Amino acid sequence: MPADIHTERCCWIYILECENNTLYTGYTTDIIKRYRSHLAGKVKYTRGFKPRKIAQCWRLLDTKGTAMKIEHYIKKLDRRGKLELIINPGTLQLLASEHLGSDINVVPENPALIEKAFFDKDAV
């Protein structure tokens, strides 16, 4: 698990692969808690279409407002654009810098480690 998963001023942007093959994009300050909410059916969209996995996630050391702007940008992408971000997660840093400013720090994280932390009772 990333050492600073619960760091203050840390936001997360994530893409979930859902059971209907759609890609759900969101942001949060606590990715473990939010993923738990998705799996428990507490989020409107994923209540109907359960997540299969976290397809990709990024740690953002910035404000919620910036996270919301990046989330909005990703949501406007078509499926091909979202898949490109999943395959090449480092490109989000370039896109965020281009569209929102050069001082934004978006770090791709290994989604498998986040899911492992979710299932590891000692990590929460």
C-alpha atoms as a PDB file:
ATOM      1  CA  MET A   1       0.000   0.000   0.000  1.00  0.00           C
ATOM      2  CA  PRO A   2       1.293   3.506  -0.707  1.00  0.00           C
ATOM      3  CA  ALA A   3       2.764   4.847   2.557  1.00  0.00           C
ATOM      4  CA  ASP A   4       0.824   8.109   2.413  1.00  0.00           C
ATOM      5  CA  ILE A   5      -2.597   6.760   1.435  1.00  0.00           C
ATOM      6  CA  HIS A   6      -4.268   8.854   4.160  1.00  0.00           C
ATOM      7  CA  THR A   7      -2.106  11.987   3.904  1.00  0.00           C
ATOM      8  CA  GLU A   8      -3.795  15.337   4.533  1.00  0.00           C
ATOM      9  CA  ARG A   9      -4.357  17.441   1.417  1.00  0.00           C
ATOM     10  CA  CYS A  10      -4.335  14.241  -0.569  1.00  0.00           C
ATOM     11  CA  CYS A  11      -7.174  13.682  -2.987  1.00  0.00           C
ATOM     12  CA  TRP A  12      -7.688  10.714  -5.226  1.00  0.00           C
ATOM     13  CA  ILE A  13      -9.042  10.549  -8.747  1.00  0.00           C
ATOM     14  CA  TYR A  14     -10.075   7.081  -9.842  1.00  0.00           C
ATOM     15  CA  ILE A  15     -11.687   5.113 -12.630  1.00  0.00           C
ATOM     16  CA  LEU A  16     -13.710   2.005 -11.813  1.00  0.00           C
ATOM     17  CA  GLU A  17     -14.476  -0.756 -14.281  1.00  0.00           C
ATOM     18  CA  CYS A  18     -18.115  -1.713 -13.681  1.00  0.00           C
ATOM     19  CA  GLU A  19     -19.943  -4.969 -14.364  1.00  0.00           C
ATOM     20  CA  ASN A  20     -21.718  -3.457 -17.398  1.00  0.00           C
ATOM     21  CA  ASN A  21     -18.284  -2.632 -18.909  1.00  0.00           C
ATOM     22  CA  THR A  22     -18.644   1.111 -18.264  1.00  0.00           C
ATOM     23  CA  LEU A  23     -15.899   3.221 -16.717  1.00  0.00           C
ATOM     24  CA  TYR A  24     -17.014   5.253 -13.698  1.00  0.00           C
ATOM     25  CA  THR A  25     -14.841   8.246 -12.771  1.00  0.00           C
ATOM     26  CA  GLY A  26     -14.773   9.868  -9.349  1.00  0.00           C
ATOM     27  CA  TYR A  27     -12.686  11.722  -6.796  1.00  0.00           C
ATOM     28  CA  THR A  28     -12.372  11.401  -3.040  1.00  0.00           C
ATOM     29  CA  THR A  29     -10.168  12.222  -0.091  1.00  0.00           C
ATOM     30  CA  ASP A  30     -10.303   8.632   1.213  1.00  0.00           C
ATOM     31  CA  ILE A  31     -10.077   6.051  -1.542  1.00  0.00           C
ATOM     32  CA  ILE A  32     -10.540   3.025   0.718  1.00  0.00           C
ATOM     33  CA  LYS A  33     -13.712   4.422   2.285  1.00  0.00           C
ATOM     34  CA  ARG A  34     -15.059   5.512  -1.095  1.00  0.00           C
ATOM     35  CA  TYR A  35     -14.374   2.137  -2.719  1.00  0.00           C
ATOM     36  CA  ARG A  36     -16.171   0.490   0.197  1.00  0.00           C
ATOM     37  CA  SER A  37     -19.164   2.782  -0.479  1.00  0.00           C
ATOM     38  CA  HIS A  38     -19.190   1.778  -4.141  1.00  0.00           C
ATOM     39  CA  LEU A  39     -19.091  -1.938  -3.333  1.00  0.00           C
ATOM     40  CA  ALA A  40     -21.807  -1.559  -0.681  1.00  0.00           C
ATOM     41  CA  GLY A  41     -24.193   0.094  -3.160  1.00  0.00           C
ATOM     42  CA  LYS A  42     -24.157   3.479  -1.418  1.00  0.00           C
ATOM     43  CA  VAL A  43     -23.301   5.382  -4.594  1.00  0.00           C
ATOM     44  CA  LYS A  44     -26.156   5.863  -7.054  1.00  0.00           C
ATOM     45  CA  TYR A  45     -24.481   4.696 -10.275  1.00  0.00           C
ATOM     46  CA  THR A  46     -22.544   1.775  -8.833  1.00  0.00           C
ATOM     47  CA  ARG A  47     -25.607   0.625  -6.906  1.00  0.00           C
ATOM     48  CA  GLY A  48     -26.945  -0.598 -10.245  1.00  0.00           C
ATOM     49  CA  PHE A  49     -23.644  -1.512 -11.858  1.00  0.00           C
ATOM     50  CA  LYS A  50     -21.223  -2.895  -9.277  1.00  0.00           C
ATOM     51  CA  PRO A  51     -17.524  -2.186  -9.715  1.00  0.00           C
ATOM     52  CA  ARG A  52     -15.380  -5.095 -10.848  1.00  0.00           C
ATOM     53  CA  LYS A  53     -12.149  -3.344  -9.936  1.00  0.00           C
ATOM     54  CA  ILE A  54     -10.310  -0.065  -9.645  1.00  0.00           C
ATOM     55  CA  ALA A  55      -9.069   0.283 -13.214  1.00  0.00           C
ATOM     56  CA  GLN A  56      -6.723   3.173 -12.365  1.00  0.00           C
ATOM     57  CA  CYS A  57      -6.189   5.768  -9.678  1.00  0.00           C
ATOM     58  CA  TRP A  58      -4.073   8.834  -9.115  1.00  0.00           C
ATOM     59  CA  ARG A  59      -3.003  10.598  -5.942  1.00  0.00           C
ATOM     60  CA  LEU A  60      -3.284  14.364  -6.131  1.00  0.00           C
ATOM     61  CA  LEU A  61      -1.505  16.589  -3.647  1.00  0.00           C
ATOM     62  CA  ASP A  62      -3.811  19.539  -4.135  1.00  0.00           C
ATOM     63  CA  THR A  63      -7.279  20.800  -3.262  1.00  0.00           C
ATOM     64  CA  LYS A  64     -10.653  19.127  -3.699  1.00  0.00           C
ATOM     65  CA  GLY A  65     -11.440  21.831  -6.236  1.00  0.00           C
ATOM     66  CA  THR A  66      -8.540  20.736  -8.418  1.00  0.00           C
ATOM     67  CA  ALA A  67      -9.583  17.094  -8.022  1.00  0.00           C
ATOM     68  CA  MET A  68     -13.088  18.015  -9.153  1.00  0.00           C
ATOM     69  CA  LYS A  69     -11.711  19.793 -12.234  1.00  0.00           C
ATOM     70  CA  ILE A  70      -9.603  16.763 -13.177  1.00  0.00           C
ATOM     71  CA  GLU A  71     -12.564  14.439 -12.558  1.00  0.00           C
ATOM     72  CA  HIS A  72     -14.720  16.641 -14.805  1.00  0.00           C
ATOM     73  CA  TYR A  73     -12.053  16.577 -17.518  1.00  0.00           C
ATOM     74  CA  ILE A  74     -11.879  12.749 -17.414  1.00  0.00           C
ATOM     75  CA  LYS A  75     -15.669  12.405 -17.420  1.00  0.00           C
ATOM     76  CA  LYS A  76     -15.813  14.407 -20.665  1.00  0.00           C
ATOM     77  CA  LEU A  77     -13.466  11.951 -22.379  1.00  0.00           C
ATOM     78  CA  ASP A  78     -14.923   9.202 -24.513  1.00  0.00           C
ATOM     79  CA  ARG A  79     -14.272   5.561 -23.630  1.00  0.00           C
ATOM     80  CA  ARG A  80     -11.153   5.467 -25.814  1.00  0.00           C
ATOM     81  CA  GLY A  81      -9.693   8.466 -23.972  1.00  0.00           C
ATOM     82  CA  LYS A  82     -10.399   6.892 -20.580  1.00  0.00           C
ATOM     83  CA  LEU A  83      -8.848   3.598 -21.670  1.00  0.00           C
ATOM     84  CA  GLU A  84      -5.770   5.507 -22.815  1.00  0.00           C
ATOM     85  CA  LEU A  85      -5.439   6.993 -19.315  1.00  0.00           C
ATOM     86  CA  ILE A  86      -5.817   3.537 -17.770  1.00  0.00           C
ATOM     87  CA  ILE A  87      -3.119   2.077 -20.034  1.00  0.00           C
ATOM     88  CA  ASN A  88      -0.808   5.114 -19.740  1.00  0.00           C
ATOM     89  CA  PRO A  89      -1.648   6.689 -16.358  1.00  0.00           C
ATOM     90  CA  GLY A  90       1.308   9.074 -16.470  1.00  0.00           C
ATOM     91  CA  THR A  91      -0.361  11.040 -19.253  1.00  0.00           C
ATOM     92  CA  LEU A  92      -2.859  12.492 -16.767  1.00  0.00           C
ATOM     93  CA  GLN A  93      -0.040  14.598 -15.283  1.00  0.00           C
ATOM     94  CA  LEU A  94       0.626  16.118 -18.702  1.00  0.00           C
ATOM     95  CA  LEU A  95      -3.056  16.728 -19.408  1.00  0.00           C
ATOM     96  CA  ALA A  96      -3.674  18.280 -15.984  1.00  0.00           C
ATOM     97  CA  SER A  97      -0.666  20.551 -16.392  1.00  0.00           C
ATOM     98  CA  GLU A  98      -1.827  21.626 -19.853  1.00  0.00           C
ATOM     99  CA  HIS A  99      -5.391  22.359 -18.797  1.00  0.00           C
ATOM    100  CA  LEU A 100      -5.056  23.457 -15.177  1.00  0.00           C
ATOM    101  CA  GLY A 101      -1.511  24.710 -14.648  1.00  0.00           C
ATOM    102  CA  SER A 102       2.028  23.409 -14.464  1.00  0.00           C
ATOM    103  CA  ASP A 103       2.232  23.133 -10.670  1.00  0.00           C
ATOM    104  CA  ILE A 104      -0.296  20.283 -10.361  1.00  0.00           C
ATOM    105  CA  ASN A 105       1.143  17.010  -9.052  1.00  0.00           C
ATOM    106  CA  VAL A 106      -0.895  13.977 -10.165  1.00  0.00           C
ATOM    107  CA  VAL A 107       0.801  10.686  -9.274  1.00  0.00           C
ATOM    108  CA  PRO A 108      -0.431   7.388 -10.714  1.00  0.00           C
ATOM    109  CA  GLU A 109      -0.784   4.645  -8.100  1.00  0.00           C
ATOM    110  CA  ASN A 110      -1.048   0.899  -8.545  1.00  0.00           C
ATOM    111  CA  PRO A 111      -4.772   0.076  -8.283  1.00  0.00           C
ATOM    112  CA  ALA A 112      -3.961  -3.489  -7.192  1.00  0.00           C
ATOM    113  CA  LEU A 113      -2.222  -2.083  -4.096  1.00  0.00           C
ATOM    114  CA  ILE A 114      -5.268   0.020  -3.262  1.00  0.00           C
ATOM    115  CA  GLU A 115      -7.528  -3.014  -3.567  1.00  0.00           C
ATOM    116  CA  LYS A 116      -5.110  -5.031  -1.435  1.00  0.00           C
ATOM    117  CA  ALA A 117      -5.286  -2.311   1.216  1.00  0.00           C
ATOM    118  CA  PHE A 118      -9.070  -2.458   1.004  1.00  0.00           C
ATOM    119  CA  PHE A 119      -9.120  -6.167   1.734  1.00  0.00           C
ATOM    120  CA  ASP A 120      -6.384  -5.964   4.381  1.00  0.00           C
ATOM    121  CA  LYS A 121      -8.315  -5.322   7.612  1.00  0.00           C
ATOM    122  CA  ASP A 122      -5.207  -3.892   9.302  1.00  0.00           C
ATOM    123  CA  ALA A 123      -4.789  -1.218   6.620  1.00  0.00           C
ATOM    124  CA  VAL A 124      -8.055   0.600   7.273  1.00  0.00           C
END
